[in-house]
Amino acid sequence: MTTRLALILILLIAGFFVLDHYVLGLNADVFLGKKALDLINYLAFWR
């Protein structure tokens, strides 16, 4: 992955979260945070 492609992906992801916060109101950050915690708990179980 080139640096240019990485920067474009970061800007797209950050842009989505900004758009979600100000316009869409989907609370995608909360949803993804909860799913990340579920994944961590699932992986901790298998440790």
PDB file of N, CA and C in Angstrom:
ATOM      1  N   MET A   1       0.852  -1.165   0.000  1.00  0.00           N
ATOM      2  CA  MET A   1       0.000   0.000   0.000  1.00  0.00           C
ATOM      3  C   MET A   1       0.905   1.238   0.000  1.00  0.00           C
ATOM      4  N   THR A   2       0.628   2.117  -0.880  1.00  0.00           N
ATOM      5  CA  THR A   2       1.422   3.334  -0.970  1.00  0.00           C
ATOM      6  C   THR A   2       0.939   4.359   0.053  1.00  0.00           C
ATOM      7  N   THR A   3       1.783   5.324   0.305  1.00  0.00           N
ATOM      8  CA  THR A   3       1.431   6.376   1.261  1.00  0.00           C
ATOM      9  C   THR A   3       0.230   7.169   0.773  1.00  0.00           C
ATOM     10  N   ARG A   4       0.178   7.400  -0.512  1.00  0.00           N
ATOM     11  CA  ARG A   4      -0.950   8.170  -1.076  1.00  0.00           C
ATOM     12  C   ARG A   4      -2.272   7.437  -0.871  1.00  0.00           C
ATOM     13  N   LEU A   5      -2.262   6.142  -1.119  1.00  0.00           N
ATOM     14  CA  LEU A   5      -3.477   5.351  -0.940  1.00  0.00           C
ATOM     15  C   LEU A   5      -3.891   5.302   0.533  1.00  0.00           C
ATOM     16  N   ALA A   6      -2.918   5.177   1.425  1.00  0.00           N
ATOM     17  CA  ALA A   6      -3.223   5.157   2.859  1.00  0.00           C
ATOM     18  C   ALA A   6      -3.846   6.482   3.294  1.00  0.00           C
ATOM     19  N   LEU A   7      -3.310   7.583   2.819  1.00  0.00           N
ATOM     20  CA  LEU A   7      -3.871   8.888   3.176  1.00  0.00           C
ATOM     21  C   LEU A   7      -5.285   9.061   2.637  1.00  0.00           C
ATOM     22  N   ILE A   8      -5.525   8.584   1.429  1.00  0.00           N
ATOM     23  CA  ILE A   8      -6.869   8.667   0.856  1.00  0.00           C
ATOM     24  C   ILE A   8      -7.855   7.850   1.685  1.00  0.00           C
ATOM     25  N   LEU A   9      -7.458   6.643   2.093  1.00  0.00           N
ATOM     26  CA  LEU A   9      -8.343   5.815   2.915  1.00  0.00           C
ATOM     27  C   LEU A   9      -8.622   6.456   4.269  1.00  0.00           C
ATOM     28  N   ILE A  10      -7.592   7.023   4.887  1.00  0.00           N
ATOM     29  CA  ILE A  10      -7.784   7.701   6.179  1.00  0.00           C
ATOM     30  C   ILE A  10      -8.744   8.870   6.024  1.00  0.00           C
ATOM     31  N   LEU A  11      -8.579   9.659   4.961  1.00  0.00           N
ATOM     32  CA  LEU A  11      -9.469  10.801   4.741  1.00  0.00           C
ATOM     33  C   LEU A  11     -10.908  10.361   4.472  1.00  0.00           C
ATOM     34  N   LEU A  12     -11.077   9.266   3.740  1.00  0.00           N
ATOM     35  CA  LEU A  12     -12.427   8.760   3.487  1.00  0.00           C
ATOM     36  C   LEU A  12     -13.095   8.271   4.769  1.00  0.00           C
ATOM     37  N   ILE A  13     -12.360   7.549   5.578  1.00  0.00           N
ATOM     38  CA  ILE A  13     -12.924   7.042   6.823  1.00  0.00           C
ATOM     39  C   ILE A  13     -13.241   8.193   7.773  1.00  0.00           C
ATOM     40  N   ALA A  14     -12.311   9.125   7.913  1.00  0.00           N
ATOM     41  CA  ALA A  14     -12.552  10.285   8.779  1.00  0.00           C
ATOM     42  C   ALA A  14     -13.714  11.113   8.245  1.00  0.00           C
ATOM     43  N   GLY A  15     -13.800  11.265   6.930  1.00  0.00           N
ATOM     44  CA  GLY A  15     -14.905  12.003   6.319  1.00  0.00           C
ATOM     45  C   GLY A  15     -16.246  11.351   6.596  1.00  0.00           C
ATOM     46  N   PHE A  16     -16.267  10.030   6.583  1.00  0.00           N
ATOM     47  CA  PHE A  16     -17.508   9.330   6.889  1.00  0.00           C
ATOM     48  C   PHE A  16     -17.951   9.614   8.320  1.00  0.00           C
ATOM     49  N   PHE A  17     -17.002   9.578   9.264  1.00  0.00           N
ATOM     50  CA  PHE A  17     -17.367   9.828  10.657  1.00  0.00           C
ATOM     51  C   PHE A  17     -17.805  11.267  10.874  1.00  0.00           C
ATOM     52  N   VAL A  18     -17.197  12.208  10.188  1.00  0.00           N
ATOM     53  CA  VAL A  18     -17.617  13.607  10.291  1.00  0.00           C
ATOM     54  C   VAL A  18     -19.016  13.775   9.692  1.00  0.00           C
ATOM     55  N   LEU A  19     -19.235  13.193   8.528  1.00  0.00           N
ATOM     56  CA  LEU A  19     -20.552  13.247   7.895  1.00  0.00           C
ATOM     57  C   LEU A  19     -21.606  12.596   8.784  1.00  0.00           C
ATOM     58  N   ASP A  20     -21.264  11.477   9.382  1.00  0.00           N
ATOM     59  CA  ASP A  20     -22.196  10.792  10.270  1.00  0.00           C
ATOM     60  C   ASP A  20     -22.536  11.657  11.474  1.00  0.00           C
ATOM     61  N   HIS A  21     -21.543  12.306  12.031  1.00  0.00           N
ATOM     62  CA  HIS A  21     -21.778  13.117  13.225  1.00  0.00           C
ATOM     63  C   HIS A  21     -22.647  14.335  12.932  1.00  0.00           C
ATOM     64  N   TYR A  22     -22.372  15.031  11.850  1.00  0.00           N
ATOM     65  CA  TYR A  22     -23.065  16.295  11.577  1.00  0.00           C
ATOM     66  C   TYR A  22     -24.334  16.160  10.730  1.00  0.00           C
ATOM     67  N   VAL A  23     -24.427  15.131   9.907  1.00  0.00           N
ATOM     68  CA  VAL A  23     -25.551  15.055   8.973  1.00  0.00           C
ATOM     69  C   VAL A  23     -26.418  13.817   9.191  1.00  0.00           C
ATOM     70  N   LEU A  24     -25.808  12.655   9.182  1.00  0.00           N
ATOM     71  CA  LEU A  24     -26.587  11.421   9.144  1.00  0.00           C
ATOM     72  C   LEU A  24     -27.185  11.028  10.491  1.00  0.00           C
ATOM     73  N   GLY A  25     -26.423  11.173  11.550  1.00  0.00           N
ATOM     74  CA  GLY A  25     -26.917  10.812  12.877  1.00  0.00           C
ATOM     75  C   GLY A  25     -27.083   9.321  13.081  1.00  0.00           C
ATOM     76  N   LEU A  26     -26.247   8.520  12.449  1.00  0.00           N
ATOM     77  CA  LEU A  26     -26.348   7.068  12.574  1.00  0.00           C
ATOM     78  C   LEU A  26     -25.650   6.523  13.809  1.00  0.00           C
ATOM     79  N   ASN A  27     -24.834   7.360  14.460  1.00  0.00           N
ATOM     80  CA  ASN A  27     -24.028   6.925  15.605  1.00  0.00           C
ATOM     81  C   ASN A  27     -23.151   5.731  15.244  1.00  0.00           C
ATOM     82  N   ALA A  28     -22.491   5.812  14.114  1.00  0.00           N
ATOM     83  CA  ALA A  28     -21.634   4.735  13.653  1.00  0.00           C
ATOM     84  C   ALA A  28     -20.459   4.516  14.588  1.00  0.00           C
ATOM     85  N   ASP A  29     -19.961   5.570  15.217  1.00  0.00           N
ATOM     86  CA  ASP A  29     -18.837   5.421  16.128  1.00  0.00           C
ATOM     87  C   ASP A  29     -19.222   4.601  17.355  1.00  0.00           C
ATOM     88  N   VAL A  30     -20.418   4.818  17.873  1.00  0.00           N
ATOM     89  CA  VAL A  30     -20.890   4.048  19.022  1.00  0.00           C
ATOM     90  C   VAL A  30     -21.103   2.592  18.621  1.00  0.00           C
ATOM     91  N   PHE A  31     -21.702   2.372  17.471  1.00  0.00           N
ATOM     92  CA  PHE A  31     -21.946   1.017  16.987  1.00  0.00           C
ATOM     93  C   PHE A  31     -20.635   0.266  16.806  1.00  0.00           C
ATOM     94  N   LEU A  32     -19.667   0.894  16.149  1.00  0.00           N
ATOM     95  CA  LEU A  32     -18.384   0.232  15.922  1.00  0.00           C
ATOM     96  C   LEU A  32     -17.620   0.021  17.221  1.00  0.00           C
ATOM     97  N   GLY A  33     -17.748   0.940  18.156  1.00  0.00           N
ATOM     98  CA  GLY A  33     -17.111   0.767  19.457  1.00  0.00           C
ATOM     99  C   GLY A  33     -17.674  -0.427  20.215  1.00  0.00           C
ATOM    100  N   LYS A  34     -18.991  -0.570  20.188  1.00  0.00           N
ATOM    101  CA  LYS A  34     -19.624  -1.714  20.851  1.00  0.00           C
ATOM    102  C   LYS A  34     -19.222  -3.020  20.196  1.00  0.00           C
ATOM    103  N   LYS A  35     -19.157  -3.040  18.870  1.00  0.00           N
ATOM    104  CA  LYS A  35     -18.757  -4.254  18.168  1.00  0.00           C
ATOM    105  C   LYS A  35     -17.292  -4.598  18.444  1.00  0.00           C
ATOM    106  N   ALA A  36     -16.446  -3.571  18.574  1.00  0.00           N
ATOM    107  CA  ALA A  36     -15.034  -3.815  18.894  1.00  0.00           C
ATOM    108  C   ALA A  36     -14.910  -4.413  20.297  1.00  0.00           C
ATOM    109  N   LEU A  37     -15.689  -3.911  21.250  1.00  0.00           N
ATOM    110  CA  LEU A  37     -15.669  -4.480  22.597  1.00  0.00           C
ATOM    111  C   LEU A  37     -16.181  -5.913  22.612  1.00  0.00           C
ATOM    112  N   ASP A  38     -17.204  -6.196  21.829  1.00  0.00           N
ATOM    113  CA  ASP A  38     -17.689  -7.575  21.715  1.00  0.00           C
ATOM    114  C   ASP A  38     -16.611  -8.488  21.156  1.00  0.00           C
ATOM    115  N   LEU A  39     -15.886  -8.012  20.161  1.00  0.00           N
ATOM    116  CA  LEU A  39     -14.805  -8.813  19.571  1.00  0.00           C
ATOM    117  C   LEU A  39     -13.694  -9.052  20.584  1.00  0.00           C
ATOM    118  N   ILE A  40     -13.335  -8.027  21.354  1.00  0.00           N
ATOM    119  CA  ILE A  40     -12.297  -8.183  22.373  1.00  0.00           C
ATOM    120  C   ILE A  40     -12.733  -9.193  23.431  1.00  0.00           C
ATOM    121  N   ASN A  41     -13.969  -9.112  23.865  1.00  0.00           N
ATOM    122  CA  ASN A  41     -14.478 -10.067  24.857  1.00  0.00           C
ATOM    123  C   ASN A  41     -14.510 -11.479  24.290  1.00  0.00           C
ATOM    124  N   TYR A  42     -14.864 -11.625  23.040  1.00  0.00           N
ATOM    125  CA  TYR A  42     -14.900 -12.937  22.400  1.00  0.00           C
ATOM    126  C   TYR A  42     -13.486 -13.520  22.308  1.00  0.00           C
ATOM    127  N   LEU A  43     -12.537 -12.685  21.915  1.00  0.00           N
ATOM    128  CA  LEU A  43     -11.156 -13.171  21.805  1.00  0.00           C
ATOM    129  C   LEU A  43     -10.565 -13.467  23.179  1.00  0.00           C
ATOM    130  N   ALA A  44     -10.941 -12.715  24.210  1.00  0.00           N
ATOM    131  CA  ALA A  44     -10.441 -12.958  25.557  1.00  0.00           C
ATOM    132  C   ALA A  44     -10.972 -14.293  26.084  1.00  0.00           C
ATOM    133  N   PHE A  45     -12.160 -14.674  25.663  1.00  0.00           N
ATOM    134  CA  PHE A  45     -12.721 -15.952  26.086  1.00  0.00           C
ATOM    135  C   PHE A  45     -11.873 -17.106  25.578  1.00  0.00           C
ATOM    136  N   TRP A  46     -11.354 -17.001  24.369  1.00  0.00           N
ATOM    137  CA  TRP A  46     -10.589 -18.083  23.763  1.00  0.00           C
ATOM    138  C   TRP A  46      -9.127 -18.103  24.192  1.00  0.00           C
ATOM    139  N   ARG A  47      -8.733 -17.160  25.008  1.00  0.00           N
ATOM    140  CA  ARG A  47      -7.342 -17.111  25.445  1.00  0.00           C
ATOM    141  C   ARG A  47      -7.005 -18.214  26.362  1.00  0.00           C
TER     142      ARG A  47
END
